[in-house]
PDB file of N, CA and C in Angstrom:
ATOM      1  N   UNK A   1     139.967  88.318  64.102  1.00  0.00           N
ATOM      2  CA  UNK A   1     139.412  87.175  64.846  1.00  0.00           C
ATOM      3  C   UNK A   1     137.880  87.261  64.825  1.00  0.00           C
ATOM      4  N   UNK A   2     137.269  87.278  65.999  1.00  0.00           N
ATOM      5  CA  UNK A   2     135.811  87.381  66.036  1.00  0.00           C
ATOM      6  C   UNK A   2     135.410  88.504  66.973  1.00  0.00           C
ATOM      7  N   UNK A   3     134.286  89.124  66.662  1.00  0.00           N
ATOM      8  CA  UNK A   3     133.837  90.271  67.445  1.00  0.00           C
ATOM      9  C   UNK A   3     132.620  89.882  68.263  1.00  0.00           C
ATOM     10  N   UNK A   4     132.632  90.233  69.550  1.00  0.00           N
ATOM     11  CA  UNK A   4     131.470  89.976  70.392  1.00  0.00           C
ATOM     12  C   UNK A   4     130.594  91.216  70.372  1.00  0.00           C
ATOM     13  N   UNK A   5     129.357  91.065  69.901  1.00  0.00           N
ATOM     14  CA  UNK A   5     128.458  92.211  69.808  1.00  0.00           C
ATOM     15  C   UNK A   5     127.579  92.290  71.044  1.00  0.00           C
ATOM     16  N   UNK A   6     127.545  93.475  71.653  1.00  0.00           N
ATOM     17  CA  UNK A   6     126.687  93.679  72.814  1.00  0.00           C
ATOM     18  C   UNK A   6     125.271  93.967  72.333  1.00  0.00           C
ATOM     19  N   UNK A   7     124.264  93.392  73.002  1.00  0.00           N
ATOM     20  CA  UNK A   7     122.888  93.703  72.614  1.00  0.00           C
ATOM     21  C   UNK A   7     122.547  95.154  72.945  1.00  0.00           C
ATOM     22  N   UNK A   8     121.624  95.732  72.181  1.00  0.00           N
ATOM     23  CA  UNK A   8     121.243  97.130  72.392  1.00  0.00           C
ATOM     24  C   UNK A   8     120.408  97.301  73.656  1.00  0.00           C
ATOM     25  N   UNK A   9     119.775  96.228  74.095  1.00  0.00           N
ATOM     26  CA  UNK A   9     118.879  96.335  75.254  1.00  0.00           C
ATOM     27  C   UNK A   9     119.449  95.523  76.415  1.00  0.00           C
ATOM     28  N   UNK A  10     119.084  95.904  77.628  1.00  0.00           N
ATOM     29  CA  UNK A  10     119.439  95.071  78.772  1.00  0.00           C
ATOM     30  C   UNK A  10     118.410  93.952  78.859  1.00  0.00           C
ATOM     31  N   UNK A  11     118.845  92.710  78.955  1.00  0.00           N
ATOM     32  CA  UNK A  11     117.882  91.612  78.996  1.00  0.00           C
ATOM     33  C   UNK A  11     117.000  91.675  80.241  1.00  0.00           C
ATOM     34  N   UNK A  12     115.838  91.048  80.164  1.00  0.00           N
ATOM     35  CA  UNK A  12     114.923  90.999  81.311  1.00  0.00           C
ATOM     36  C   UNK A  12     115.602  90.253  82.458  1.00  0.00           C
ATOM     37  N   UNK A  13     115.115  90.484  83.672  1.00  0.00           N
ATOM     38  CA  UNK A  13     115.773  89.938  84.860  1.00  0.00           C
ATOM     39  C   UNK A  13     115.913  88.419  84.800  1.00  0.00           C
ATOM     40  N   UNK A  14     114.802  87.712  84.512  1.00  0.00           N
ATOM     41  CA  UNK A  14     114.873  86.239  84.505  1.00  0.00           C
ATOM     42  C   UNK A  14     115.782  85.744  83.381  1.00  0.00           C
ATOM     43  N   UNK A  15     115.710  86.407  82.246  1.00  0.00           N
ATOM     44  CA  UNK A  15     116.562  86.054  81.104  1.00  0.00           C
ATOM     45  C   UNK A  15     118.032  86.234  81.488  1.00  0.00           C
ATOM     46  N   UNK A  16     118.320  87.371  82.134  1.00  0.00           N
ATOM     47  CA  UNK A  16     119.686  87.692  82.547  1.00  0.00           C
ATOM     48  C   UNK A  16     120.207  86.631  83.513  1.00  0.00           C
ATOM     49  N   UNK A  17     119.332  86.200  84.451  1.00  0.00           N
ATOM     50  CA  UNK A  17     119.733  85.183  85.421  1.00  0.00           C
ATOM     51  C   UNK A  17     120.118  83.890  84.724  1.00  0.00           C
ATOM     52  N   UNK A  18     119.303  83.477  83.751  1.00  0.00           N
ATOM     53  CA  UNK A  18     119.582  82.235  83.023  1.00  0.00           C
ATOM     54  C   UNK A  18     120.912  82.356  82.284  1.00  0.00           C
ATOM     55  N   UNK A  19     121.105  83.487  81.625  1.00  0.00           N
ATOM     56  CA  UNK A  19     122.349  83.698  80.881  1.00  0.00           C
ATOM     57  C   UNK A  19     123.549  83.668  81.814  1.00  0.00           C
ATOM     58  N   UNK A  20     123.388  84.301  82.986  1.00  0.00           N
ATOM     59  CA  UNK A  20     124.475  84.348  83.961  1.00  0.00           C
ATOM     60  C   UNK A  20     124.836  82.936  84.407  1.00  0.00           C
ATOM     61  N   UNK A  21     123.810  82.131  84.711  1.00  0.00           N
ATOM     62  CA  UNK A  21     124.045  80.760  85.162  1.00  0.00           C
ATOM     63  C   UNK A  21     124.784  79.971  84.099  1.00  0.00           C
ATOM     64  N   UNK A  22     124.335  80.088  82.853  1.00  0.00           N
ATOM     65  CA  UNK A  22     124.978  79.364  81.759  1.00  0.00           C
ATOM     66  C   UNK A  22     126.434  79.799  81.622  1.00  0.00           C
ATOM     67  N   UNK A  23     126.648  81.108  81.686  1.00  0.00           N
ATOM     68  CA  UNK A  23     128.010  81.632  81.556  1.00  0.00           C
ATOM     69  C   UNK A  23     128.894  81.097  82.680  1.00  0.00           C
ATOM     70  N   UNK A  24     128.366  81.122  83.907  1.00  0.00           N
ATOM     71  CA  UNK A  24     129.129  80.620  85.056  1.00  0.00           C
ATOM     72  C   UNK A  24     129.480  79.158  84.862  1.00  0.00           C
ATOM     73  N   UNK A  25     128.493  78.381  84.390  1.00  0.00           N
ATOM     74  CA  UNK A  25     128.721  76.952  84.176  1.00  0.00           C
ATOM     75  C   UNK A  25     129.832  76.742  83.157  1.00  0.00           C
ATOM     76  N   UNK A  26     129.747  77.482  82.059  1.00  0.00           N
ATOM     77  CA  UNK A  26     130.755  77.349  80.995  1.00  0.00           C
ATOM     78  C   UNK A  26     132.135  77.711  81.531  1.00  0.00           C
ATOM     79  N   UNK A  27     132.197  78.807  82.294  1.00  0.00           N
ATOM     80  CA  UNK A  27     133.486  79.255  82.842  1.00  0.00           C
ATOM     81  C   UNK A  27     134.059  78.207  83.790  1.00  0.00           C
ATOM     82  N   UNK A  28     133.193  77.701  84.699  1.00  0.00           N
ATOM     83  CA  UNK A  28     133.653  76.691  85.655  1.00  0.00           C
ATOM     84  C   UNK A  28     134.137  75.445  84.931  1.00  0.00           C
ATOM     85  N   UNK A  29     133.353  74.983  83.953  1.00  0.00           N
ATOM     86  CA  UNK A  29     133.699  73.778  83.201  1.00  0.00           C
ATOM     87  C   UNK A  29     135.029  73.973  82.487  1.00  0.00           C
ATOM     88  N   UNK A  30     135.184  75.120  81.839  1.00  0.00           N
ATOM     89  CA  UNK A  30     136.422  75.421  81.125  1.00  0.00           C
ATOM     90  C   UNK A  30     137.615  75.460  82.062  1.00  0.00           C
ATOM     91  N   UNK A  31     137.418  76.065  83.236  1.00  0.00           N
ATOM     92  CA  UNK A  31     138.504  76.162  84.218  1.00  0.00           C
ATOM     93  C   UNK A  31     138.931  74.779  84.683  1.00  0.00           C
ATOM     94  N   UNK A  32     137.929  73.928  84.988  1.00  0.00           N
ATOM     95  CA  UNK A  32     138.246  72.567  85.429  1.00  0.00           C
ATOM     96  C   UNK A  32     139.025  71.827  84.355  1.00  0.00           C
ATOM     97  N   UNK A  33     138.567  71.971  83.112  1.00  0.00           N
ATOM     98  CA  UNK A  33     139.198  71.263  81.999  1.00  0.00           C
ATOM     99  C   UNK A  33     140.644  71.725  81.827  1.00  0.00           C
ATOM    100  N   UNK A  34     140.851  73.037  81.815  1.00  0.00           N
ATOM    101  CA  UNK A  34     142.213  73.558  81.627  1.00  0.00           C
ATOM    102  C   UNK A  34     143.110  73.143  82.784  1.00  0.00           C
ATOM    103  N   UNK A  35     142.545  73.161  84.007  1.00  0.00           N
ATOM    104  CA  UNK A  35     143.318  72.765  85.181  1.00  0.00           C
ATOM    105  C   UNK A  35     143.767  71.320  85.048  1.00  0.00           C
ATOM    106  N   UNK A  36     142.835  70.456  84.630  1.00  0.00           N
ATOM    107  CA  UNK A  36     143.171  69.038  84.482  1.00  0.00           C
ATOM    108  C   UNK A  36     144.258  68.835  83.443  1.00  0.00           C
ATOM    109  N   UNK A  37     144.105  69.503  82.306  1.00  0.00           N
ATOM    110  CA  UNK A  37     145.098  69.367  81.235  1.00  0.00           C
ATOM    111  C   UNK A  37     146.455  69.878  81.712  1.00  0.00           C
ATOM    112  N   UNK A  38     146.441  71.005  82.427  1.00  0.00           N
ATOM    113  CA  UNK A  38     147.692  71.581  82.935  1.00  0.00           C
ATOM    114  C   UNK A  38     148.361  70.627  83.919  1.00  0.00           C
ATOM    115  N   UNK A  39     147.563  70.050  84.817  1.00  0.00           N
ATOM    116  CA  UNK A  39     148.115  69.103  85.789  1.00  0.00           C
ATOM    117  C   UNK A  39     148.700  67.893  85.074  1.00  0.00           C
ATOM    118  N   UNK A  40     147.976  67.408  84.075  1.00  0.00           N
ATOM    119  CA  UNK A  40     148.445  66.247  83.312  1.00  0.00           C
ATOM    120  C   UNK A  40     149.783  66.571  82.651  1.00  0.00           C
ATOM    121  N   UNK A  41     149.847  67.732  82.004  1.00  0.00           N
ATOM    122  CA  UNK A  41     151.082  68.133  81.329  1.00  0.00           C
ATOM    123  C   UNK A  41     152.212  68.338  82.327  1.00  0.00           C
ATOM    124  N   UNK A  42     151.863  68.815  83.534  1.00  0.00           N
ATOM    125  CA  UNK A  42     152.893  69.085  84.537  1.00  0.00           C
ATOM    126  C   UNK A  42     153.441  67.790  85.128  1.00  0.00           C
ATOM    127  N   UNK A  43     152.545  66.824  85.401  1.00  0.00           N
ATOM    128  CA  UNK A  43     152.974  65.629  86.128  1.00  0.00           C
ATOM    129  C   UNK A  43     153.403  64.472  85.227  1.00  0.00           C
ATOM    130  N   UNK A  44     152.949  64.459  83.977  1.00  0.00           N
ATOM    131  CA  UNK A  44     153.297  63.347  83.091  1.00  0.00           C
ATOM    132  C   UNK A  44     154.810  63.202  82.920  1.00  0.00           C
ATOM    133  N   UNK A  45     155.538  64.293  82.625  1.00  0.00           N
ATOM    134  CA  UNK A  45     157.003  64.163  82.501  1.00  0.00           C
ATOM    135  C   UNK A  45     157.657  63.677  83.785  1.00  0.00           C
ATOM    136  N   UNK A  46     157.121  64.094  84.940  1.00  0.00           N
ATOM    137  CA  UNK A  46     157.687  63.654  86.221  1.00  0.00           C
ATOM    138  C   UNK A  46     157.541  62.145  86.381  1.00  0.00           C
ATOM    139  N   UNK A  47     156.349  61.632  86.042  1.00  0.00           N
ATOM    140  CA  UNK A  47     156.139  60.183  86.113  1.00  0.00           C
ATOM    141  C   UNK A  47     157.110  59.463  85.186  1.00  0.00           C
ATOM    142  N   UNK A  48     157.244  59.973  83.968  1.00  0.00           N
ATOM    143  CA  UNK A  48     158.133  59.345  82.997  1.00  0.00           C
ATOM    144  C   UNK A  48     159.566  59.350  83.531  1.00  0.00           C
ATOM    145  N   UNK A  49     159.974  60.464  84.119  1.00  0.00           N
ATOM    146  CA  UNK A  49     161.322  60.590  84.671  1.00  0.00           C
ATOM    147  C   UNK A  49     161.537  59.560  85.772  1.00  0.00           C
ATOM    148  N   UNK A  50     160.522  59.393  86.628  1.00  0.00           N
ATOM    149  CA  UNK A  50     160.603  58.441  87.728  1.00  0.00           C
ATOM    150  C   UNK A  50     160.854  57.027  87.192  1.00  0.00           C
ATOM    151  N   UNK A  51     160.028  56.622  86.223  1.00  0.00           N
ATOM    152  CA  UNK A  51     160.179  55.273  85.670  1.00  0.00           C
ATOM    153  C   UNK A  51     161.506  55.125  84.937  1.00  0.00           C
ATOM    154  N   UNK A  52     161.912  56.188  84.263  1.00  0.00           N
ATOM    155  CA  UNK A  52     163.178  56.177  83.551  1.00  0.00           C
ATOM    156  C   UNK A  52     164.332  55.949  84.531  1.00  0.00           C
ATOM    157  N   UNK A  53     164.305  56.673  85.643  1.00  0.00           N
ATOM    158  CA  UNK A  53     165.348  56.518  86.669  1.00  0.00           C
ATOM    159  C   UNK A  53     165.319  55.116  87.267  1.00  0.00           C
ATOM    160  N   UNK A  54     164.120  54.580  87.485  1.00  0.00           N
ATOM    161  CA  UNK A  54     163.995  53.214  88.006  1.00  0.00           C
ATOM    162  C   UNK A  54     164.631  52.218  87.041  1.00  0.00           C
ATOM    163  N   UNK A  55     164.346  52.401  85.751  1.00  0.00           N
ATOM    164  CA  UNK A  55     164.910  51.504  84.738  1.00  0.00           C
ATOM    165  C   UNK A  55     166.433  51.577  84.751  1.00  0.00           C
ATOM    166  N   UNK A  56     166.963  52.787  84.839  1.00  0.00           N
ATOM    167  CA  UNK A  56     168.420  52.963  84.837  1.00  0.00           C
ATOM    168  C   UNK A  56     169.037  52.311  86.075  1.00  0.00           C
ATOM    169  N   UNK A  57     168.434  52.531  87.238  1.00  0.00           N
ATOM    170  CA  UNK A  57     169.019  52.023  88.483  1.00  0.00           C
ATOM    171  C   UNK A  57     168.966  50.497  88.555  1.00  0.00           C
ATOM    172  N   UNK A  58     167.993  49.884  87.881  1.00  0.00           N
ATOM    173  CA  UNK A  58     167.878  48.419  87.938  1.00  0.00           C
ATOM    174  C   UNK A  58     168.940  47.726  87.092  1.00  0.00           C
ATOM    175  N   UNK A  59     169.452  48.441  86.086  1.00  0.00           N
ATOM    176  CA  UNK A  59     170.419  47.805  85.190  1.00  0.00           C
ATOM    177  C   UNK A  59     171.730  47.540  85.874  1.00  0.00           C
TER     178      UNK A  59
END
């Protein structure tokens, strides 16, 4: 796959802070996105089932 290489030096404090913020943002954004997709996948079949049952009961 791919290898993550650690830098040989510890970044400067301000640099580290910026990197941390960016990483946090990416993680939060990714989590929100995956959560939304998961919810969509979880609830979409339920909605379809509901309408399907409605269609059957109306006949």
